[in-house]
Amino acid sequence: MERPKRPLSAYNLFFQDERVRMLATRPVRPKGAPLCQGHGKIGFAEMAKTIAAQWNAIAPDVKRKYKAMARGEKIRYKQREAHWKKHVAALSSVPTSVTTKFPKSRRPRTTTKSAATAK
């Protein structure tokens, strides 16, 4: 069982929604295929600036909707994290029959003459 991922913020949830909407409505860039493997419609920096401006300009009721979604994400995260911590604690309390001690690695001894030449 892996540790749960942190919850998304209200802005991140808005960014996801706007990114999908933006990519669905934009045509492919006239430059042709992008240099990297992507959608070829808009660069990330331009998209981030556009979405950030939209986030700053949206109505308070829309922003409240995303903040409520983020609160729900946070509650689910805390529940999953508590379950994960119980799982990890249960695994660590199980006694193991074989201890796994590894010998320390031995380094060759250096003499003063070889230490002086190494500098």
PDB file of N, CA and C in Angstrom:
ATOM      1  N   MET A   1       0.858  -1.177   0.000  1.00  0.00           N
ATOM      2  CA  MET A   1       0.000   0.000   0.000  1.00  0.00           C
ATOM      3  C   MET A   1       0.903   1.238   0.000  1.00  0.00           C
ATOM      4  N   GLU A   2       0.655   2.118  -0.926  1.00  0.00           N
ATOM      5  CA  GLU A   2       1.456   3.339  -1.039  1.00  0.00           C
ATOM      6  C   GLU A   2       0.819   4.475  -0.257  1.00  0.00           C
ATOM      7  N   ARG A   3       1.659   5.408   0.142  1.00  0.00           N
ATOM      8  CA  ARG A   3       1.167   6.583   0.833  1.00  0.00           C
ATOM      9  C   ARG A   3       0.263   7.374  -0.113  1.00  0.00           C
ATOM     10  N   PRO A   4      -0.879   7.878   0.384  1.00  0.00           N
ATOM     11  CA  PRO A   4      -1.778   8.631  -0.499  1.00  0.00           C
ATOM     12  C   PRO A   4      -1.149   9.950  -0.942  1.00  0.00           C
ATOM     13  N   LYS A   5      -1.510  10.373  -2.141  1.00  0.00           N
ATOM     14  CA  LYS A   5      -1.001  11.639  -2.668  1.00  0.00           C
ATOM     15  C   LYS A   5      -1.735  12.797  -2.009  1.00  0.00           C
ATOM     16  N   ARG A   6      -1.048  13.913  -1.907  1.00  0.00           N
ATOM     17  CA  ARG A   6      -1.644  15.090  -1.283  1.00  0.00           C
ATOM     18  C   ARG A   6      -2.840  15.583  -2.084  1.00  0.00           C
ATOM     19  N   PRO A   7      -3.800  16.213  -1.402  1.00  0.00           N
ATOM     20  CA  PRO A   7      -4.995  16.680  -2.115  1.00  0.00           C
ATOM     21  C   PRO A   7      -4.688  17.893  -2.984  1.00  0.00           C
ATOM     22  N   LEU A   8      -5.493  18.055  -4.017  1.00  0.00           N
ATOM     23  CA  LEU A   8      -5.332  19.208  -4.898  1.00  0.00           C
ATOM     24  C   LEU A   8      -5.987  20.434  -4.261  1.00  0.00           C
ATOM     25  N   SER A   9      -5.395  21.578  -4.504  1.00  0.00           N
ATOM     26  CA  SER A   9      -5.961  22.832  -4.001  1.00  0.00           C
ATOM     27  C   SER A   9      -7.101  23.273  -4.917  1.00  0.00           C
ATOM     28  N   ALA A  10      -7.831  24.283  -4.488  1.00  0.00           N
ATOM     29  CA  ALA A  10      -8.922  24.815  -5.302  1.00  0.00           C
ATOM     30  C   ALA A  10      -8.391  25.297  -6.654  1.00  0.00           C
ATOM     31  N   TYR A  11      -7.254  25.949  -6.640  1.00  0.00           N
ATOM     32  CA  TYR A  11      -6.654  26.432  -7.887  1.00  0.00           C
ATOM     33  C   TYR A  11      -6.290  25.270  -8.803  1.00  0.00           C
ATOM     34  N   ASN A  12      -5.709  24.193  -8.229  1.00  0.00           N
ATOM     35  CA  ASN A  12      -5.333  23.044  -9.048  1.00  0.00           C
ATOM     36  C   ASN A  12      -6.553  22.376  -9.674  1.00  0.00           C
ATOM     37  N   LEU A  13      -7.647  22.294  -8.945  1.00  0.00           N
ATOM     38  CA  LEU A  13      -8.877  21.726  -9.495  1.00  0.00           C
ATOM     39  C   LEU A  13      -9.412  22.598 -10.623  1.00  0.00           C
ATOM     40  N   PHE A  14      -9.377  23.914 -10.426  1.00  0.00           N
ATOM     41  CA  PHE A  14      -9.795  24.857 -11.465  1.00  0.00           C
ATOM     42  C   PHE A  14      -8.883  24.717 -12.693  1.00  0.00           C
ATOM     43  N   PHE A  15      -7.581  24.603 -12.450  1.00  0.00           N
ATOM     44  CA  PHE A  15      -6.611  24.474 -13.537  1.00  0.00           C
ATOM     45  C   PHE A  15      -6.910  23.239 -14.373  1.00  0.00           C
ATOM     46  N   GLN A  16      -7.191  22.113 -13.706  1.00  0.00           N
ATOM     47  CA  GLN A  16      -7.519  20.882 -14.436  1.00  0.00           C
ATOM     48  C   GLN A  16      -8.725  21.077 -15.347  1.00  0.00           C
ATOM     49  N   ASP A  17      -9.789  21.649 -14.789  1.00  0.00           N
ATOM     50  CA  ASP A  17     -11.015  21.853 -15.563  1.00  0.00           C
ATOM     51  C   ASP A  17     -10.787  22.797 -16.746  1.00  0.00           C
ATOM     52  N   GLU A  18     -10.095  23.888 -16.481  1.00  0.00           N
ATOM     53  CA  GLU A  18      -9.863  24.871 -17.537  1.00  0.00           C
ATOM     54  C   GLU A  18      -8.928  24.338 -18.609  1.00  0.00           C
ATOM     55  N   ARG A  19      -7.952  23.541 -18.211  1.00  0.00           N
ATOM     56  CA  ARG A  19      -7.030  22.969 -19.185  1.00  0.00           C
ATOM     57  C   ARG A  19      -7.789  22.080 -20.161  1.00  0.00           C
ATOM     58  N   VAL A  20      -8.652  21.216 -19.640  1.00  0.00           N
ATOM     59  CA  VAL A  20      -9.442  20.331 -20.509  1.00  0.00           C
ATOM     60  C   VAL A  20     -10.325  21.157 -21.445  1.00  0.00           C
ATOM     61  N   ARG A  21     -10.978  22.173 -20.883  1.00  0.00           N
ATOM     62  CA  ARG A  21     -11.857  23.021 -21.685  1.00  0.00           C
ATOM     63  C   ARG A  21     -11.057  23.773 -22.751  1.00  0.00           C
ATOM     64  N   MET A  22      -9.903  24.288 -22.355  1.00  0.00           N
ATOM     65  CA  MET A  22      -9.081  25.076 -23.269  1.00  0.00           C
ATOM     66  C   MET A  22      -8.554  24.214 -24.419  1.00  0.00           C
ATOM     67  N   LEU A  23      -8.103  23.018 -24.111  1.00  0.00           N
ATOM     68  CA  LEU A  23      -7.553  22.157 -25.156  1.00  0.00           C
ATOM     69  C   LEU A  23      -8.633  21.649 -26.098  1.00  0.00           C
ATOM     70  N   ALA A  24      -9.861  21.517 -25.590  1.00  0.00           N
ATOM     71  CA  ALA A  24     -10.953  21.048 -26.440  1.00  0.00           C
ATOM     72  C   ALA A  24     -11.386  22.116 -27.439  1.00  0.00           C
ATOM     73  N   THR A  25     -11.216  23.384 -27.091  1.00  0.00           N
ATOM     74  CA  THR A  25     -11.698  24.461 -27.951  1.00  0.00           C
ATOM     75  C   THR A  25     -10.630  25.048 -28.866  1.00  0.00           C
ATOM     76  N   ARG A  26      -9.354  24.788 -28.593  1.00  0.00           N
ATOM     77  CA  ARG A  26      -8.289  25.400 -29.401  1.00  0.00           C
ATOM     78  C   ARG A  26      -7.886  24.512 -30.571  1.00  0.00           C
ATOM     79  N   PRO A  27      -7.607  25.117 -31.703  1.00  0.00           N
ATOM     80  CA  PRO A  27      -7.084  24.333 -32.832  1.00  0.00           C
ATOM     81  C   PRO A  27      -5.588  24.084 -32.632  1.00  0.00           C
ATOM     82  N   VAL A  28      -5.043  23.199 -33.415  1.00  0.00           N
ATOM     83  CA  VAL A  28      -3.606  22.930 -33.363  1.00  0.00           C
ATOM     84  C   VAL A  28      -2.865  24.173 -33.832  1.00  0.00           C
ATOM     85  N   ARG A  29      -1.730  24.458 -33.215  1.00  0.00           N
ATOM     86  CA  ARG A  29      -0.934  25.626 -33.587  1.00  0.00           C
ATOM     87  C   ARG A  29      -0.549  25.577 -35.056  1.00  0.00           C
ATOM     88  N   PRO A  30      -0.495  26.735 -35.712  1.00  0.00           N
ATOM     89  CA  PRO A  30      -0.135  26.742 -37.139  1.00  0.00           C
ATOM     90  C   PRO A  30       1.308  26.314 -37.391  1.00  0.00           C
ATOM     91  N   LYS A  31       2.142  26.316 -36.360  1.00  0.00           N
ATOM     92  CA  LYS A  31       3.542  25.932 -36.538  1.00  0.00           C
ATOM     93  C   LYS A  31       3.666  24.453 -36.886  1.00  0.00           C
ATOM     94  N   GLY A  32       2.634  23.701 -36.683  1.00  0.00           N
ATOM     95  CA  GLY A  32       2.683  22.266 -36.967  1.00  0.00           C
ATOM     96  C   GLY A  32       2.905  21.480 -35.694  1.00  0.00           C
ATOM     97  N   ALA A  33       3.551  20.369 -35.828  1.00  0.00           N
ATOM     98  CA  ALA A  33       3.767  19.477 -34.687  1.00  0.00           C
ATOM     99  C   ALA A  33       4.705  20.142 -33.681  1.00  0.00           C
ATOM    100  N   PRO A  34       4.435  19.934 -32.408  1.00  0.00           N
ATOM    101  CA  PRO A  34       5.296  20.529 -31.385  1.00  0.00           C
ATOM    102  C   PRO A  34       6.644  19.813 -31.334  1.00  0.00           C
ATOM    103  N   LEU A  35       7.631  20.483 -30.744  1.00  0.00           N
ATOM    104  CA  LEU A  35       8.952  19.875 -30.609  1.00  0.00           C
ATOM    105  C   LEU A  35       8.910  18.698 -29.644  1.00  0.00           C
ATOM    106  N   CYS A  36       8.180  18.833 -28.562  1.00  0.00           N
ATOM    107  CA  CYS A  36       8.037  17.741 -27.615  1.00  0.00           C
ATOM    108  C   CYS A  36       6.725  17.015 -27.909  1.00  0.00           C
ATOM    109  N   GLN A  37       6.578  15.853 -27.352  1.00  0.00           N
ATOM    110  CA  GLN A  37       5.341  15.116 -27.576  1.00  0.00           C
ATOM    111  C   GLN A  37       4.258  15.719 -26.698  1.00  0.00           C
ATOM    112  N   GLY A  38       3.301  16.361 -27.280  1.00  0.00           N
ATOM    113  CA  GLY A  38       2.225  17.007 -26.557  1.00  0.00           C
ATOM    114  C   GLY A  38       1.037  17.169 -27.464  1.00  0.00           C
ATOM    115  N   HIS A  39       0.176  18.055 -27.094  1.00  0.00           N
ATOM    116  CA  HIS A  39      -1.042  18.251 -27.865  1.00  0.00           C
ATOM    117  C   HIS A  39      -0.845  19.209 -29.034  1.00  0.00           C
ATOM    118  N   GLY A  40       0.195  20.038 -29.007  1.00  0.00           N
ATOM    119  CA  GLY A  40       0.480  20.932 -30.116  1.00  0.00           C
ATOM    120  C   GLY A  40      -0.475  22.098 -30.240  1.00  0.00           C
ATOM    121  N   LYS A  41      -1.189  22.428 -29.176  1.00  0.00           N
ATOM    122  CA  LYS A  41      -2.184  23.500 -29.250  1.00  0.00           C
ATOM    123  C   LYS A  41      -1.741  24.774 -28.551  1.00  0.00           C
ATOM    124  N   ILE A  42      -1.101  24.638 -27.403  1.00  0.00           N
ATOM    125  CA  ILE A  42      -0.688  25.801 -26.628  1.00  0.00           C
ATOM    126  C   ILE A  42       0.471  25.379 -25.729  1.00  0.00           C
ATOM    127  N   GLY A  43       1.401  26.293 -25.522  1.00  0.00           N
ATOM    128  CA  GLY A  43       2.511  26.004 -24.630  1.00  0.00           C
ATOM    129  C   GLY A  43       2.071  26.076 -23.174  1.00  0.00           C
ATOM    130  N   PHE A  44       2.787  25.378 -22.299  1.00  0.00           N
ATOM    131  CA  PHE A  44       2.380  25.338 -20.897  1.00  0.00           C
ATOM    132  C   PHE A  44       2.452  26.720 -20.247  1.00  0.00           C
ATOM    133  N   ALA A  45       3.483  27.477 -20.515  1.00  0.00           N
ATOM    134  CA  ALA A  45       3.623  28.796 -19.887  1.00  0.00           C
ATOM    135  C   ALA A  45       2.457  29.705 -20.272  1.00  0.00           C
ATOM    136  N   GLU A  46       2.104  29.695 -21.550  1.00  0.00           N
ATOM    137  CA  GLU A  46       0.988  30.522 -22.011  1.00  0.00           C
ATOM    138  C   GLU A  46      -0.322  30.050 -21.376  1.00  0.00           C
ATOM    139  N   MET A  47      -0.490  28.737 -21.300  1.00  0.00           N
ATOM    140  CA  MET A  47      -1.703  28.182 -20.697  1.00  0.00           C
ATOM    141  C   MET A  47      -1.786  28.564 -19.218  1.00  0.00           C
ATOM    142  N   ALA A  48      -0.683  28.444 -18.504  1.00  0.00           N
ATOM    143  CA  ALA A  48      -0.673  28.763 -17.076  1.00  0.00           C
ATOM    144  C   ALA A  48      -0.998  30.233 -16.835  1.00  0.00           C
ATOM    145  N   LYS A  49      -0.447  31.121 -17.661  1.00  0.00           N
ATOM    146  CA  LYS A  49      -0.738  32.556 -17.511  1.00  0.00           C
ATOM    147  C   LYS A  49      -2.212  32.844 -17.765  1.00  0.00           C
ATOM    148  N   THR A  50      -2.766  32.212 -18.788  1.00  0.00           N
ATOM    149  CA  THR A  50      -4.176  32.424 -19.127  1.00  0.00           C
ATOM    150  C   THR A  50      -5.083  31.929 -18.014  1.00  0.00           C
ATOM    151  N   ILE A  51      -4.800  30.732 -17.523  1.00  0.00           N
ATOM    152  CA  ILE A  51      -5.640  30.155 -16.471  1.00  0.00           C
ATOM    153  C   ILE A  51      -5.489  30.918 -15.161  1.00  0.00           C
ATOM    154  N   ALA A  52      -4.290  31.384 -14.856  1.00  0.00           N
ATOM    155  CA  ALA A  52      -4.089  32.173 -13.633  1.00  0.00           C
ATOM    156  C   ALA A  52      -4.888  33.479 -13.708  1.00  0.00           C
ATOM    157  N   ALA A  53      -4.903  34.106 -14.871  1.00  0.00           N
ATOM    158  CA  ALA A  53      -5.684  35.337 -15.033  1.00  0.00           C
ATOM    159  C   ALA A  53      -7.176  35.041 -14.879  1.00  0.00           C
ATOM    160  N   GLN A  54      -7.622  33.910 -15.424  1.00  0.00           N
ATOM    161  CA  GLN A  54      -9.028  33.526 -15.268  1.00  0.00           C
ATOM    162  C   GLN A  54      -9.366  33.256 -13.804  1.00  0.00           C
ATOM    163  N   TRP A  55      -8.457  32.602 -13.075  1.00  0.00           N
ATOM    164  CA  TRP A  55      -8.691  32.309 -11.644  1.00  0.00           C
ATOM    165  C   TRP A  55      -8.844  33.600 -10.851  1.00  0.00           C
ATOM    166  N   ASN A  56      -8.026  34.583 -11.174  1.00  0.00           N
ATOM    167  CA  ASN A  56      -8.091  35.857 -10.460  1.00  0.00           C
ATOM    168  C   ASN A  56      -9.344  36.655 -10.810  1.00  0.00           C
ATOM    169  N   ALA A  57      -9.943  36.356 -11.954  1.00  0.00           N
ATOM    170  CA  ALA A  57     -11.091  37.141 -12.411  1.00  0.00           C
ATOM    171  C   ALA A  57     -12.435  36.433 -12.233  1.00  0.00           C
ATOM    172  N   ILE A  58     -12.444  35.176 -11.780  1.00  0.00           N
ATOM    173  CA  ILE A  58     -13.729  34.465 -11.708  1.00  0.00           C
ATOM    174  C   ILE A  58     -14.593  34.997 -10.578  1.00  0.00           C
ATOM    175  N   ALA A  59     -15.872  34.735 -10.688  1.00  0.00           N
ATOM    176  CA  ALA A  59     -16.846  35.186  -9.691  1.00  0.00           C
ATOM    177  C   ALA A  59     -16.602  34.448  -8.368  1.00  0.00           C
ATOM    178  N   PRO A  60     -16.886  35.116  -7.251  1.00  0.00           N
ATOM    179  CA  PRO A  60     -16.668  34.489  -5.947  1.00  0.00           C
ATOM    180  C   PRO A  60     -17.462  33.192  -5.742  1.00  0.00           C
ATOM    181  N   ASP A  61     -18.665  33.105  -6.321  1.00  0.00           N
ATOM    182  CA  ASP A  61     -19.442  31.882  -6.140  1.00  0.00           C
ATOM    183  C   ASP A  61     -18.801  30.687  -6.857  1.00  0.00           C
ATOM    184  N   VAL A  62     -18.157  30.926  -7.996  1.00  0.00           N
ATOM    185  CA  VAL A  62     -17.455  29.855  -8.710  1.00  0.00           C
ATOM    186  C   VAL A  62     -16.221  29.447  -7.916  1.00  0.00           C
ATOM    187  N   LYS A  63     -15.530  30.435  -7.368  1.00  0.00           N
ATOM    188  CA  LYS A  63     -14.342  30.150  -6.564  1.00  0.00           C
ATOM    189  C   LYS A  63     -14.733  29.354  -5.319  1.00  0.00           C
ATOM    190  N   ARG A  64     -15.893  29.689  -4.715  1.00  0.00           N
ATOM    191  CA  ARG A  64     -16.371  28.941  -3.546  1.00  0.00           C
ATOM    192  C   ARG A  64     -16.631  27.484  -3.901  1.00  0.00           C
ATOM    193  N   LYS A  65     -17.144  27.245  -5.109  1.00  0.00           N
ATOM    194  CA  LYS A  65     -17.401  25.876  -5.567  1.00  0.00           C
ATOM    195  C   LYS A  65     -16.101  25.072  -5.583  1.00  0.00           C
ATOM    196  N   TYR A  66     -15.046  25.662  -6.117  1.00  0.00           N
ATOM    197  CA  TYR A  66     -13.761  24.967  -6.176  1.00  0.00           C
ATOM    198  C   TYR A  66     -13.141  24.805  -4.789  1.00  0.00           C
ATOM    199  N   LYS A  67     -13.340  25.788  -3.918  1.00  0.00           N
ATOM    200  CA  LYS A  67     -12.825  25.664  -2.554  1.00  0.00           C
ATOM    201  C   LYS A  67     -13.551  24.554  -1.801  1.00  0.00           C
ATOM    202  N   ALA A  68     -14.850  24.403  -2.055  1.00  0.00           N
ATOM    203  CA  ALA A  68     -15.613  23.315  -1.430  1.00  0.00           C
ATOM    204  C   ALA A  68     -15.121  21.963  -1.946  1.00  0.00           C
ATOM    205  N   MET A  69     -14.837  21.895  -3.239  1.00  0.00           N
ATOM    206  CA  MET A  69     -14.300  20.654  -3.804  1.00  0.00           C
ATOM    207  C   MET A  69     -12.940  20.330  -3.175  1.00  0.00           C
ATOM    208  N   ALA A  70     -12.122  21.352  -2.957  1.00  0.00           N
ATOM    209  CA  ALA A  70     -10.805  21.153  -2.351  1.00  0.00           C
ATOM    210  C   ALA A  70     -10.939  20.687  -0.905  1.00  0.00           C
ATOM    211  N   ARG A  71     -11.920  21.223  -0.171  1.00  0.00           N
ATOM    212  CA  ARG A  71     -12.149  20.764   1.209  1.00  0.00           C
ATOM    213  C   ARG A  71     -12.524  19.285   1.219  1.00  0.00           C
ATOM    214  N   GLY A  72     -13.369  18.882   0.271  1.00  0.00           N
ATOM    215  CA  GLY A  72     -13.733  17.469   0.154  1.00  0.00           C
ATOM    216  C   GLY A  72     -12.526  16.596  -0.145  1.00  0.00           C
ATOM    217  N   GLU A  73     -11.661  17.077  -1.027  1.00  0.00           N
ATOM    218  CA  GLU A  73     -10.431  16.357  -1.347  1.00  0.00           C
ATOM    219  C   GLU A  73      -9.557  16.209  -0.103  1.00  0.00           C
ATOM    220  N   LYS A  74      -9.478  17.270   0.685  1.00  0.00           N
ATOM    221  CA  LYS A  74      -8.644  17.250   1.881  1.00  0.00           C
ATOM    222  C   LYS A  74      -9.183  16.258   2.912  1.00  0.00           C
ATOM    223  N   ILE A  75     -10.503  16.216   3.064  1.00  0.00           N
ATOM    224  CA  ILE A  75     -11.122  15.280   4.006  1.00  0.00           C
ATOM    225  C   ILE A  75     -10.849  13.839   3.561  1.00  0.00           C
ATOM    226  N   ARG A  76     -11.024  13.563   2.274  1.00  0.00           N
ATOM    227  CA  ARG A  76     -10.746  12.218   1.755  1.00  0.00           C
ATOM    228  C   ARG A  76      -9.277  11.857   1.937  1.00  0.00           C
ATOM    229  N   TYR A  77      -8.397  12.838   1.720  1.00  0.00           N
ATOM    230  CA  TYR A  77      -6.967  12.590   1.898  1.00  0.00           C
ATOM    231  C   TYR A  77      -6.653  12.228   3.343  1.00  0.00           C
ATOM    232  N   LYS A  78      -7.225  12.965   4.279  1.00  0.00           N
ATOM    233  CA  LYS A  78      -6.947  12.682   5.696  1.00  0.00           C
ATOM    234  C   LYS A  78      -7.450  11.299   6.085  1.00  0.00           C
ATOM    235  N   GLN A  79      -8.591  10.881   5.537  1.00  0.00           N
ATOM    236  CA  GLN A  79      -9.109   9.544   5.819  1.00  0.00           C
ATOM    237  C   GLN A  79      -8.181   8.479   5.233  1.00  0.00           C
ATOM    238  N   ARG A  80      -7.761   8.670   3.985  1.00  0.00           N
ATOM    239  CA  ARG A  80      -6.852   7.713   3.350  1.00  0.00           C
ATOM    240  C   ARG A  80      -5.509   7.673   4.072  1.00  0.00           C
ATOM    241  N   GLU A  81      -5.038   8.848   4.532  1.00  0.00           N
ATOM    242  CA  GLU A  81      -3.760   8.895   5.233  1.00  0.00           C
ATOM    243  C   GLU A  81      -3.848   8.168   6.574  1.00  0.00           C
ATOM    244  N   ALA A  82      -4.957   8.341   7.295  1.00  0.00           N
ATOM    245  CA  ALA A  82      -5.135   7.648   8.572  1.00  0.00           C
ATOM    246  C   ALA A  82      -5.157   6.135   8.354  1.00  0.00           C
ATOM    247  N   HIS A  83      -5.862   5.699   7.307  1.00  0.00           N
ATOM    248  CA  HIS A  83      -5.910   4.271   6.981  1.00  0.00           C
ATOM    249  C   HIS A  83      -4.520   3.761   6.632  1.00  0.00           C
ATOM    250  N   TRP A  84      -3.768   4.529   5.862  1.00  0.00           N
ATOM    251  CA  TRP A  84      -2.415   4.151   5.475  1.00  0.00           C
ATOM    252  C   TRP A  84      -1.504   4.048   6.698  1.00  0.00           C
ATOM    253  N   LYS A  85      -1.619   5.006   7.628  1.00  0.00           N
ATOM    254  CA  LYS A  85      -0.781   4.985   8.833  1.00  0.00           C
ATOM    255  C   LYS A  85      -1.086   3.758   9.677  1.00  0.00           C
ATOM    256  N   LYS A  86      -2.359   3.385   9.786  1.00  0.00           N
ATOM    257  CA  LYS A  86      -2.723   2.175  10.528  1.00  0.00           C
ATOM    258  C   LYS A  86      -2.122   0.942   9.854  1.00  0.00           C
ATOM    259  N   HIS A  87      -2.182   0.924   8.552  1.00  0.00           N
ATOM    260  CA  HIS A  87      -1.638  -0.195   7.785  1.00  0.00           C
ATOM    261  C   HIS A  87      -0.127  -0.313   8.006  1.00  0.00           C
ATOM    262  N   VAL A  88       0.575   0.797   7.955  1.00  0.00           N
ATOM    263  CA  VAL A  88       2.026   0.799   8.147  1.00  0.00           C
ATOM    264  C   VAL A  88       2.367   0.394   9.578  1.00  0.00           C
ATOM    265  N   ALA A  89       1.596   0.897  10.548  1.00  0.00           N
ATOM    266  CA  ALA A  89       1.844   0.538  11.944  1.00  0.00           C
ATOM    267  C   ALA A  89       1.608  -0.955  12.164  1.00  0.00           C
ATOM    268  N   ALA A  90       0.589  -1.507  11.531  1.00  0.00           N
ATOM    269  CA  ALA A  90       0.315  -2.938  11.666  1.00  0.00           C
ATOM    270  C   ALA A  90       1.441  -3.762  11.058  1.00  0.00           C
ATOM    271  N   LEU A  91       1.974  -3.312   9.943  1.00  0.00           N
ATOM    272  CA  LEU A  91       3.079  -4.039   9.314  1.00  0.00           C
ATOM    273  C   LEU A  91       4.349  -3.968  10.150  1.00  0.00           C
ATOM    274  N   SER A  92       4.592  -2.844  10.786  1.00  0.00           N
ATOM    275  CA  SER A  92       5.825  -2.692  11.563  1.00  0.00           C
ATOM    276  C   SER A  92       5.754  -3.444  12.882  1.00  0.00           C
ATOM    277  N   SER A  93       4.548  -3.756  13.367  1.00  0.00           N
ATOM    278  CA  SER A  93       4.429  -4.475  14.632  1.00  0.00           C
ATOM    279  C   SER A  93       4.490  -5.988  14.440  1.00  0.00           C
ATOM    280  N   VAL A  94       4.468  -6.471  13.205  1.00  0.00           N
ATOM    281  CA  VAL A  94       4.569  -7.897  12.923  1.00  0.00           C
ATOM    282  C   VAL A  94       6.010  -8.321  13.131  1.00  0.00           C
ATOM    283  N   PRO A  95       6.257  -9.305  14.023  1.00  0.00           N
ATOM    284  CA  PRO A  95       7.648  -9.732  14.230  1.00  0.00           C
ATOM    285  C   PRO A  95       8.166 -10.504  13.027  1.00  0.00           C
ATOM    286  N   THR A  96       9.403 -10.256  12.717  1.00  0.00           N
ATOM    287  CA  THR A  96      10.023 -10.983  11.608  1.00  0.00           C
ATOM    288  C   THR A  96      10.903 -12.071  12.188  1.00  0.00           C
ATOM    289  N   SER A  97      10.901 -13.217  11.566  1.00  0.00           N
ATOM    290  CA  SER A  97      11.678 -14.341  12.087  1.00  0.00           C
ATOM    291  C   SER A  97      13.160 -14.220  11.745  1.00  0.00           C
ATOM    292  N   VAL A  98      13.470 -13.541  10.688  1.00  0.00           N
ATOM    293  CA  VAL A  98      14.859 -13.394  10.257  1.00  0.00           C
ATOM    294  C   VAL A  98      15.207 -11.917  10.248  1.00  0.00           C
ATOM    295  N   THR A  99      16.259 -11.580  10.930  1.00  0.00           N
ATOM    296  CA  THR A  99      16.701 -10.189  10.896  1.00  0.00           C
ATOM    297  C   THR A  99      17.581 -10.006   9.674  1.00  0.00           C
ATOM    298  N   THR A 100      17.522  -8.867   9.128  1.00  0.00           N
ATOM    299  CA  THR A 100      18.299  -8.585   7.920  1.00  0.00           C
ATOM    300  C   THR A 100      19.386  -7.573   8.247  1.00  0.00           C
ATOM    301  N   LYS A 101      20.460  -8.087   8.859  1.00  0.00           N
ATOM    302  CA  LYS A 101      21.608  -7.225   9.124  1.00  0.00           C
ATOM    303  C   LYS A 101      22.659  -7.515   8.077  1.00  0.00           C
ATOM    304  N   PHE A 102      23.125  -6.483   7.473  1.00  0.00           N
ATOM    305  CA  PHE A 102      24.130  -6.619   6.449  1.00  0.00           C
ATOM    306  C   PHE A 102      25.473  -6.212   7.021  1.00  0.00           C
ATOM    307  N   PRO A 103      26.529  -6.904   6.653  1.00  0.00           N
ATOM    308  CA  PRO A 103      27.850  -6.526   7.173  1.00  0.00           C
ATOM    309  C   PRO A 103      28.273  -5.170   6.621  1.00  0.00           C
ATOM    310  N   LYS A 104      29.000  -4.456   7.446  1.00  0.00           N
ATOM    311  CA  LYS A 104      29.509  -3.159   7.002  1.00  0.00           C
ATOM    312  C   LYS A 104      30.543  -3.390   5.900  1.00  0.00           C
ATOM    313  N   SER A 105      30.529  -2.512   4.941  1.00  0.00           N
ATOM    314  CA  SER A 105      31.504  -2.675   3.854  1.00  0.00           C
ATOM    315  C   SER A 105      32.882  -2.320   4.377  1.00  0.00           C
ATOM    316  N   ARG A 106      33.820  -3.105   3.942  1.00  0.00           N
ATOM    317  CA  ARG A 106      35.194  -2.864   4.389  1.00  0.00           C
ATOM    318  C   ARG A 106      35.933  -2.089   3.318  1.00  0.00           C
ATOM    319  N   ARG A 107      36.487  -1.020   3.740  1.00  0.00           N
ATOM    320  CA  ARG A 107      37.287  -0.216   2.821  1.00  0.00           C
ATOM    321  C   ARG A 107      38.752  -0.606   2.983  1.00  0.00           C
ATOM    322  N   PRO A 108      39.468  -0.597   1.899  1.00  0.00           N
ATOM    323  CA  PRO A 108      40.902  -0.887   2.043  1.00  0.00           C
ATOM    324  C   PRO A 108      41.576   0.228   2.831  1.00  0.00           C
ATOM    325  N   ARG A 109      42.476  -0.210   3.689  1.00  0.00           N
ATOM    326  CA  ARG A 109      43.171   0.780   4.520  1.00  0.00           C
ATOM    327  C   ARG A 109      44.135   1.583   3.658  1.00  0.00           C
ATOM    328  N   THR A 110      44.175   2.855   3.952  1.00  0.00           N
ATOM    329  CA  THR A 110      45.108   3.706   3.230  1.00  0.00           C
ATOM    330  C   THR A 110      46.284   4.020   4.134  1.00  0.00           C
ATOM    331  N   THR A 111      47.433   3.908   3.579  1.00  0.00           N
ATOM    332  CA  THR A 111      48.626   4.258   4.349  1.00  0.00           C
ATOM    333  C   THR A 111      48.880   5.743   4.197  1.00  0.00           C
ATOM    334  N   THR A 112      49.720   6.269   4.997  1.00  0.00           N
ATOM    335  CA  THR A 112      50.012   7.700   4.922  1.00  0.00           C
ATOM    336  C   THR A 112      50.648   8.049   3.580  1.00  0.00           C
ATOM    337  N   LYS A 113      51.404   7.113   3.016  1.00  0.00           N
ATOM    338  CA  LYS A 113      52.045   7.387   1.734  1.00  0.00           C
ATOM    339  C   LYS A 113      50.980   7.467   0.621  1.00  0.00           C
ATOM    340  N   SER A 114      50.011   6.528   0.597  1.00  0.00           N
ATOM    341  CA  SER A 114      49.006   6.554  -0.446  1.00  0.00           C
ATOM    342  C   SER A 114      48.001   7.688  -0.212  1.00  0.00           C
ATOM    343  N   ALA A 115      47.787   8.055   1.037  1.00  0.00           N
ATOM    344  CA  ALA A 115      46.896   9.180   1.327  1.00  0.00           C
ATOM    345  C   ALA A 115      47.533  10.484   0.848  1.00  0.00           C
ATOM    346  N   ALA A 116      48.858  10.573   0.954  1.00  0.00           N
ATOM    347  CA  ALA A 116      49.546  11.777   0.510  1.00  0.00           C
ATOM    348  C   ALA A 116      49.520  11.892  -1.002  1.00  0.00           C
ATOM    349  N   THR A 117      49.581  10.769  -1.707  1.00  0.00           N
ATOM    350  CA  THR A 117      49.576  10.823  -3.169  1.00  0.00           C
ATOM    351  C   THR A 117      48.152  11.042  -3.712  1.00  0.00           C
ATOM    352  N   ALA A 118      47.138  10.712  -2.912  1.00  0.00           N
ATOM    353  CA  ALA A 118      45.760  10.881  -3.360  1.00  0.00           C
ATOM    354  C   ALA A 118      45.358  12.349  -3.405  1.00  0.00           C
ATOM    355  N   LYS A 119      46.077  13.191  -2.686  1.00  0.00           N
ATOM    356  CA  LYS A 119      45.711  14.616  -2.632  1.00  0.00           C
ATOM    357  C   LYS A 119      46.069  15.318  -3.859  1.00  0.00           C
TER     358      LYS A 119
END
